[in-house]
Amino acid sequence: MIKYFYCLFILCCYTYNNSNAQTKAVHIEKLIKQYADNDQFNGVVLVAEEGKVIYQKAFGIADYEWNIKNTTDKKI
């Protein structure tokens, strides 16, 4: 699982240097969605650039026992 986070981090750093904020968000969405759709990622992603949030989204389940979905404002 840690290997995936390193890949995400490297890809995010690369996309930051090569495109504008909206395009970056699209790239991040595609990448994270692939992992989430294959049940390889479950959590919340927040990416900021120069102090501004360019991408924020929750994926998967926060609590499997109660079947509670992840949200960007939930604490469990």
PDB file of N, CA and C in Angstrom:
ATOM      1  N   MET A   1       0.826  -1.196   0.000  1.00  0.00           N
ATOM      2  CA  MET A   1       0.000   0.000   0.000  1.00  0.00           C
ATOM      3  C   MET A   1       0.869   1.260   0.000  1.00  0.00           C
ATOM      4  N   ILE A   2       1.964   1.218   0.750  1.00  0.00           N
ATOM      5  CA  ILE A   2       2.845   2.386   0.797  1.00  0.00           C
ATOM      6  C   ILE A   2       3.431   2.652  -0.580  1.00  0.00           C
ATOM      7  N   LYS A   3       3.699   1.583  -1.333  1.00  0.00           N
ATOM      8  CA  LYS A   3       4.240   1.723  -2.680  1.00  0.00           C
ATOM      9  C   LYS A   3       3.308   2.574  -3.545  1.00  0.00           C
ATOM     10  N   TYR A   4       2.011   2.393  -3.389  1.00  0.00           N
ATOM     11  CA  TYR A   4       1.039   3.152  -4.170  1.00  0.00           C
ATOM     12  C   TYR A   4       1.078   4.634  -3.817  1.00  0.00           C
ATOM     13  N   PHE A   5       1.255   4.938  -2.535  1.00  0.00           N
ATOM     14  CA  PHE A   5       1.301   6.332  -2.122  1.00  0.00           C
ATOM     15  C   PHE A   5       2.533   7.033  -2.684  1.00  0.00           C
ATOM     16  N   TYR A   6       3.652   6.331  -2.726  1.00  0.00           N
ATOM     17  CA  TYR A   6       4.848   6.913  -3.327  1.00  0.00           C
ATOM     18  C   TYR A   6       4.627   7.192  -4.807  1.00  0.00           C
ATOM     19  N   CYS A   7       3.979   6.256  -5.495  1.00  0.00           N
ATOM     20  CA  CYS A   7       3.676   6.468  -6.914  1.00  0.00           C
ATOM     21  C   CYS A   7       2.757   7.670  -7.094  1.00  0.00           C
ATOM     22  N   LEU A   8       1.754   7.782  -6.237  1.00  0.00           N
ATOM     23  CA  LEU A   8       0.838   8.917  -6.304  1.00  0.00           C
ATOM     24  C   LEU A   8       1.580  10.228  -6.067  1.00  0.00           C
ATOM     25  N   PHE A   9       2.448  10.225  -5.082  1.00  0.00           N
ATOM     26  CA  PHE A   9       3.198  11.428  -4.758  1.00  0.00           C
ATOM     27  C   PHE A   9       4.075  11.864  -5.926  1.00  0.00           C
ATOM     28  N   ILE A  10       4.776  10.916  -6.520  1.00  0.00           N
ATOM     29  CA  ILE A  10       5.648  11.234  -7.648  1.00  0.00           C
ATOM     30  C   ILE A  10       4.837  11.753  -8.825  1.00  0.00           C
ATOM     31  N   LEU A  11       3.719  11.096  -9.113  1.00  0.00           N
ATOM     32  CA  LEU A  11       2.885  11.539 -10.224  1.00  0.00           C
ATOM     33  C   LEU A  11       2.320  12.929  -9.957  1.00  0.00           C
ATOM     34  N   CYS A  12       1.892  13.175  -8.740  1.00  0.00           N
ATOM     35  CA  CYS A  12       1.347  14.495  -8.412  1.00  0.00           C
ATOM     36  C   CYS A  12       2.407  15.575  -8.558  1.00  0.00           C
ATOM     37  N   CYS A  13       3.622  15.304  -8.110  1.00  0.00           N
ATOM     38  CA  CYS A  13       4.710  16.276  -8.267  1.00  0.00           C
ATOM     39  C   CYS A  13       4.986  16.537  -9.732  1.00  0.00           C
ATOM     40  N   TYR A  14       4.971  15.511 -10.535  1.00  0.00           N
ATOM     41  CA  TYR A  14       5.216  15.667 -11.962  1.00  0.00           C
ATOM     42  C   TYR A  14       4.128  16.505 -12.619  1.00  0.00           C
ATOM     43  N   THR A  15       2.868  16.214 -12.303  1.00  0.00           N
ATOM     44  CA  THR A  15       1.780  16.952 -12.936  1.00  0.00           C
ATOM     45  C   THR A  15       1.763  18.409 -12.489  1.00  0.00           C
ATOM     46  N   TYR A  16       2.215  18.705 -11.277  1.00  0.00           N
ATOM     47  CA  TYR A  16       2.255  20.089 -10.819  1.00  0.00           C
ATOM     48  C   TYR A  16       3.141  20.948 -11.704  1.00  0.00           C
ATOM     49  N   ASN A  17       4.213  20.382 -12.170  1.00  0.00           N
ATOM     50  CA  ASN A  17       5.166  21.161 -12.945  1.00  0.00           C
ATOM     51  C   ASN A  17       4.796  21.278 -14.412  1.00  0.00           C
ATOM     52  N   ASN A  18       3.791  20.551 -14.868  1.00  0.00           N
ATOM     53  CA  ASN A  18       3.528  20.487 -16.297  1.00  0.00           C
ATOM     54  C   ASN A  18       2.159  20.989 -16.734  1.00  0.00           C
ATOM     55  N   SER A  19       1.316  21.471 -15.844  1.00  0.00           N
ATOM     56  CA  SER A  19      -0.015  21.891 -16.273  1.00  0.00           C
ATOM     57  C   SER A  19      -0.643  22.846 -15.264  1.00  0.00           C
ATOM     58  N   ASN A  20      -1.787  23.424 -15.651  1.00  0.00           N
ATOM     59  CA  ASN A  20      -2.471  24.345 -14.745  1.00  0.00           C
ATOM     60  C   ASN A  20      -3.289  23.574 -13.706  1.00  0.00           C
ATOM     61  N   ALA A  21      -3.867  24.279 -12.745  1.00  0.00           N
ATOM     62  CA  ALA A  21      -4.553  23.645 -11.621  1.00  0.00           C
ATOM     63  C   ALA A  21      -5.725  22.771 -12.052  1.00  0.00           C
ATOM     64  N   GLN A  22      -6.504  23.208 -13.006  1.00  0.00           N
ATOM     65  CA  GLN A  22      -7.659  22.421 -13.439  1.00  0.00           C
ATOM     66  C   GLN A  22      -7.211  21.122 -14.103  1.00  0.00           C
ATOM     67  N   THR A  23      -6.216  21.195 -14.934  1.00  0.00           N
ATOM     68  CA  THR A  23      -5.695  20.002 -15.587  1.00  0.00           C
ATOM     69  C   THR A  23      -5.082  19.053 -14.564  1.00  0.00           C
ATOM     70  N   LYS A  24      -4.414  19.609 -13.565  1.00  0.00           N
ATOM     71  CA  LYS A  24      -3.838  18.789 -12.499  1.00  0.00           C
ATOM     72  C   LYS A  24      -4.932  18.015 -11.779  1.00  0.00           C
ATOM     73  N   ALA A  25      -6.026  18.677 -11.470  1.00  0.00           N
ATOM     74  CA  ALA A  25      -7.132  18.028 -10.772  1.00  0.00           C
ATOM     75  C   ALA A  25      -7.697  16.880 -11.601  1.00  0.00           C
ATOM     76  N   VAL A  26      -7.771  17.057 -12.903  1.00  0.00           N
ATOM     77  CA  VAL A  26      -8.271  15.998 -13.789  1.00  0.00           C
ATOM     78  C   VAL A  26      -7.329  14.798 -13.757  1.00  0.00           C
ATOM     79  N   HIS A  27      -6.037  15.039 -13.811  1.00  0.00           N
ATOM     80  CA  HIS A  27      -5.050  13.961 -13.756  1.00  0.00           C
ATOM     81  C   HIS A  27      -5.120  13.222 -12.419  1.00  0.00           C
ATOM     82  N   ILE A  28      -5.222  13.971 -11.348  1.00  0.00           N
ATOM     83  CA  ILE A  28      -5.296  13.366 -10.016  1.00  0.00           C
ATOM     84  C   ILE A  28      -6.561  12.519  -9.904  1.00  0.00           C
ATOM     85  N   GLU A  29      -7.674  13.054 -10.373  1.00  0.00           N
ATOM     86  CA  GLU A  29      -8.953  12.322 -10.339  1.00  0.00           C
ATOM     87  C   GLU A  29      -8.837  10.991 -11.073  1.00  0.00           C
ATOM     88  N   LYS A  30      -8.272  11.009 -12.263  1.00  0.00           N
ATOM     89  CA  LYS A  30      -8.133   9.777 -13.045  1.00  0.00           C
ATOM     90  C   LYS A  30      -7.282   8.751 -12.310  1.00  0.00           C
ATOM     91  N   LEU A  31      -6.163   9.196 -11.757  1.00  0.00           N
ATOM     92  CA  LEU A  31      -5.257   8.292 -11.071  1.00  0.00           C
ATOM     93  C   LEU A  31      -5.900   7.675  -9.832  1.00  0.00           C
ATOM     94  N   ILE A  32      -6.440   8.509  -8.972  1.00  0.00           N
ATOM     95  CA  ILE A  32      -7.027   8.015  -7.727  1.00  0.00           C
ATOM     96  C   ILE A  32      -8.231   7.134  -8.024  1.00  0.00           C
ATOM     97  N   LYS A  33      -9.034   7.510  -9.000  1.00  0.00           N
ATOM     98  CA  LYS A  33     -10.223   6.732  -9.346  1.00  0.00           C
ATOM     99  C   LYS A  33      -9.854   5.323  -9.797  1.00  0.00           C
ATOM    100  N   GLN A  34      -8.757   5.183 -10.531  1.00  0.00           N
ATOM    101  CA  GLN A  34      -8.312   3.848 -10.949  1.00  0.00           C
ATOM    102  C   GLN A  34      -8.028   2.967  -9.737  1.00  0.00           C
ATOM    103  N   TYR A  35      -7.327   3.511  -8.757  1.00  0.00           N
ATOM    104  CA  TYR A  35      -7.023   2.747  -7.549  1.00  0.00           C
ATOM    105  C   TYR A  35      -8.296   2.455  -6.753  1.00  0.00           C
ATOM    106  N   ALA A  36      -9.155   3.425  -6.608  1.00  0.00           N
ATOM    107  CA  ALA A  36     -10.392   3.238  -5.842  1.00  0.00           C
ATOM    108  C   ALA A  36     -11.305   2.221  -6.523  1.00  0.00           C
ATOM    109  N   ASP A  37     -11.414   2.285  -7.839  1.00  0.00           N
ATOM    110  CA  ASP A  37     -12.264   1.340  -8.568  1.00  0.00           C
ATOM    111  C   ASP A  37     -11.767  -0.097  -8.457  1.00  0.00           C
ATOM    112  N   ASN A  38     -10.473  -0.270  -8.240  1.00  0.00           N
ATOM    113  CA  ASN A  38      -9.891  -1.607  -8.085  1.00  0.00           C
ATOM    114  C   ASN A  38      -9.716  -2.006  -6.621  1.00  0.00           C
ATOM    115  N   ASP A  39     -10.376  -1.264  -5.716  1.00  0.00           N
ATOM    116  CA  ASP A  39     -10.302  -1.520  -4.273  1.00  0.00           C
ATOM    117  C   ASP A  39      -8.871  -1.498  -3.738  1.00  0.00           C
ATOM    118  N   GLN A  40      -8.031  -0.623  -4.299  1.00  0.00           N
ATOM    119  CA  GLN A  40      -6.661  -0.475  -3.836  1.00  0.00           C
ATOM    120  C   GLN A  40      -6.457   0.825  -3.061  1.00  0.00           C
ATOM    121  N   PHE A  41      -7.475   1.649  -3.021  1.00  0.00           N
ATOM    122  CA  PHE A  41      -7.387   2.885  -2.250  1.00  0.00           C
ATOM    123  C   PHE A  41      -8.732   3.167  -1.603  1.00  0.00           C
ATOM    124  N   ASN A  42      -8.676   3.554  -0.356  1.00  0.00           N
ATOM    125  CA  ASN A  42      -9.854   3.851   0.430  1.00  0.00           C
ATOM    126  C   ASN A  42      -9.481   4.998   1.362  1.00  0.00           C
ATOM    127  N   GLY A  43      -9.973   6.193   1.111  1.00  0.00           N
ATOM    128  CA  GLY A  43      -9.605   7.314   1.953  1.00  0.00           C
ATOM    129  C   GLY A  43      -9.991   8.645   1.355  1.00  0.00           C
ATOM    130  N   VAL A  44      -9.331   9.677   1.840  1.00  0.00           N
ATOM    131  CA  VAL A  44      -9.613  11.044   1.406  1.00  0.00           C
ATOM    132  C   VAL A  44      -8.337  11.640   0.831  1.00  0.00           C
ATOM    133  N   VAL A  45      -8.493  12.356  -0.276  1.00  0.00           N
ATOM    134  CA  VAL A  45      -7.346  12.993  -0.931  1.00  0.00           C
ATOM    135  C   VAL A  45      -7.572  14.500  -0.926  1.00  0.00           C
ATOM    136  N   LEU A  46      -6.543  15.225  -0.514  1.00  0.00           N
ATOM    137  CA  LEU A  46      -6.561  16.678  -0.587  1.00  0.00           C
ATOM    138  C   LEU A  46      -5.220  17.107  -1.166  1.00  0.00           C
ATOM    139  N   VAL A  47      -5.267  17.850  -2.261  1.00  0.00           N
ATOM    140  CA  VAL A  47      -4.051  18.358  -2.890  1.00  0.00           C
ATOM    141  C   VAL A  47      -4.173  19.877  -2.950  1.00  0.00           C
ATOM    142  N   ALA A  48      -3.144  20.553  -2.442  1.00  0.00           N
ATOM    143  CA  ALA A  48      -3.126  22.016  -2.452  1.00  0.00           C
ATOM    144  C   ALA A  48      -1.879  22.487  -3.178  1.00  0.00           C
ATOM    145  N   GLU A  49      -2.018  23.632  -3.807  1.00  0.00           N
ATOM    146  CA  GLU A  49      -0.883  24.241  -4.499  1.00  0.00           C
ATOM    147  C   GLU A  49      -0.858  25.717  -4.141  1.00  0.00           C
ATOM    148  N   GLU A  50       0.265  26.157  -3.651  1.00  0.00           N
ATOM    149  CA  GLU A  50       0.432  27.546  -3.229  1.00  0.00           C
ATOM    150  C   GLU A  50      -0.669  27.995  -2.275  1.00  0.00           C
ATOM    151  N   GLY A  51      -1.030  27.113  -1.362  1.00  0.00           N
ATOM    152  CA  GLY A  51      -2.021  27.429  -0.348  1.00  0.00           C
ATOM    153  C   GLY A  51      -3.473  27.323  -0.782  1.00  0.00           C
ATOM    154  N   LYS A  52      -3.718  26.916  -2.022  1.00  0.00           N
ATOM    155  CA  LYS A  52      -5.088  26.789  -2.529  1.00  0.00           C
ATOM    156  C   LYS A  52      -5.386  25.323  -2.830  1.00  0.00           C
ATOM    157  N   VAL A  53      -6.543  24.865  -2.384  1.00  0.00           N
ATOM    158  CA  VAL A  53      -6.953  23.489  -2.645  1.00  0.00           C
ATOM    159  C   VAL A  53      -7.329  23.360  -4.120  1.00  0.00           C
ATOM    160  N   ILE A  54      -6.661  22.430  -4.814  1.00  0.00           N
ATOM    161  CA  ILE A  54      -6.993  22.211  -6.220  1.00  0.00           C
ATOM    162  C   ILE A  54      -7.764  20.912  -6.410  1.00  0.00           C
ATOM    163  N   TYR A  55      -7.716  20.023  -5.391  1.00  0.00           N
ATOM    164  CA  TYR A  55      -8.449  18.761  -5.498  1.00  0.00           C
ATOM    165  C   TYR A  55      -8.748  18.237  -4.107  1.00  0.00           C
ATOM    166  N   GLN A  56     -10.000  17.832  -3.887  1.00  0.00           N
ATOM    167  CA  GLN A  56     -10.399  17.254  -2.614  1.00  0.00           C
ATOM    168  C   GLN A  56     -11.565  16.307  -2.872  1.00  0.00           C
ATOM    169  N   LYS A  57     -11.398  15.048  -2.477  1.00  0.00           N
ATOM    170  CA  LYS A  57     -12.461  14.080  -2.692  1.00  0.00           C
ATOM    171  C   LYS A  57     -12.261  12.875  -1.786  1.00  0.00           C
ATOM    172  N   ALA A  58     -13.371  12.251  -1.402  1.00  0.00           N
ATOM    173  CA  ALA A  58     -13.349  11.055  -0.562  1.00  0.00           C
ATOM    174  C   ALA A  58     -13.717   9.838  -1.398  1.00  0.00           C
ATOM    175  N   PHE A  59     -13.081   8.713  -1.073  1.00  0.00           N
ATOM    176  CA  PHE A  59     -13.320   7.471  -1.784  1.00  0.00           C
ATOM    177  C   PHE A  59     -13.556   6.338  -0.791  1.00  0.00           C
ATOM    178  N   GLY A  60     -14.468   5.447  -1.138  1.00  0.00           N
ATOM    179  CA  GLY A  60     -14.642   4.214  -0.378  1.00  0.00           C
ATOM    180  C   GLY A  60     -15.406   4.340   0.917  1.00  0.00           C
ATOM    181  N   ILE A  61     -15.143   3.385   1.786  1.00  0.00           N
ATOM    182  CA  ILE A  61     -15.872   3.230   3.041  1.00  0.00           C
ATOM    183  C   ILE A  61     -14.995   3.664   4.211  1.00  0.00           C
ATOM    184  N   ALA A  62     -15.570   4.436   5.121  1.00  0.00           N
ATOM    185  CA  ALA A  62     -14.859   4.871   6.320  1.00  0.00           C
ATOM    186  C   ALA A  62     -14.992   3.841   7.438  1.00  0.00           C
ATOM    187  N   ASP A  63     -16.156   3.210   7.526  1.00  0.00           N
ATOM    188  CA  ASP A  63     -16.418   2.224   8.578  1.00  0.00           C
ATOM    189  C   ASP A  63     -17.175   1.052   7.963  1.00  0.00           C
ATOM    190  N   TYR A  64     -16.480  -0.070   7.807  1.00  0.00           N
ATOM    191  CA  TYR A  64     -17.098  -1.233   7.171  1.00  0.00           C
ATOM    192  C   TYR A  64     -18.181  -1.864   8.034  1.00  0.00           C
ATOM    193  N   GLU A  65     -18.015  -1.805   9.349  1.00  0.00           N
ATOM    194  CA  GLU A  65     -19.004  -2.409  10.247  1.00  0.00           C
ATOM    195  C   GLU A  65     -20.366  -1.747  10.089  1.00  0.00           C
ATOM    196  N   TRP A  66     -20.379  -0.441   9.979  1.00  0.00           N
ATOM    197  CA  TRP A  66     -21.630   0.311   9.855  1.00  0.00           C
ATOM    198  C   TRP A  66     -21.903   0.753   8.417  1.00  0.00           C
ATOM    199  N   ASN A  67     -21.026   0.387   7.503  1.00  0.00           N
ATOM    200  CA  ASN A  67     -21.146   0.734   6.090  1.00  0.00           C
ATOM    201  C   ASN A  67     -21.296   2.250   5.874  1.00  0.00           C
ATOM    202  N   ILE A  68     -20.390   2.994   6.499  1.00  0.00           N
ATOM    203  CA  ILE A  68     -20.396   4.452   6.406  1.00  0.00           C
ATOM    204  C   ILE A  68     -19.368   4.864   5.361  1.00  0.00           C
ATOM    205  N   LYS A  69     -19.798   5.633   4.378  1.00  0.00           N
ATOM    206  CA  LYS A  69     -18.903   6.082   3.316  1.00  0.00           C
ATOM    207  C   LYS A  69     -17.978   7.191   3.806  1.00  0.00           C
ATOM    208  N   ASN A  70     -16.818   7.267   3.192  1.00  0.00           N
ATOM    209  CA  ASN A  70     -15.889   8.354   3.467  1.00  0.00           C
ATOM    210  C   ASN A  70     -16.449   9.668   2.960  1.00  0.00           C
ATOM    211  N   THR A  71     -16.201  10.728   3.687  1.00  0.00           N
ATOM    212  CA  THR A  71     -16.514  12.075   3.251  1.00  0.00           C
ATOM    213  C   THR A  71     -15.316  12.963   3.561  1.00  0.00           C
ATOM    214  N   THR A  72     -15.292  14.116   2.981  1.00  0.00           N
ATOM    215  CA  THR A  72     -14.157  15.020   3.212  1.00  0.00           C
ATOM    216  C   THR A  72     -14.207  15.697   4.577  1.00  0.00           C
ATOM    217  N   ASP A  73     -15.319  15.574   5.280  1.00  0.00           N
ATOM    218  CA  ASP A  73     -15.427  16.230   6.589  1.00  0.00           C
ATOM    219  C   ASP A  73     -15.704  15.282   7.733  1.00  0.00           C
ATOM    220  N   LYS A  74     -15.504  13.999   7.557  1.00  0.00           N
ATOM    221  CA  LYS A  74     -15.816  12.999   8.572  1.00  0.00           C
ATOM    222  C   LYS A  74     -14.574  12.658   9.390  1.00  0.00           C
ATOM    223  N   LYS A  75     -14.762  12.489  10.702  1.00  0.00           N
ATOM    224  CA  LYS A  75     -13.710  12.008  11.578  1.00  0.00           C
ATOM    225  C   LYS A  75     -14.163  10.687  12.171  1.00  0.00           C
ATOM    226  N   ILE A  76     -13.329   9.690  11.995  1.00  0.00           N
ATOM    227  CA  ILE A  76     -13.642   8.379  12.592  1.00  0.00           C
ATOM    228  C   ILE A  76     -12.401   7.837  13.264  1.00  0.00           C
TER     229      ILE A  76
END
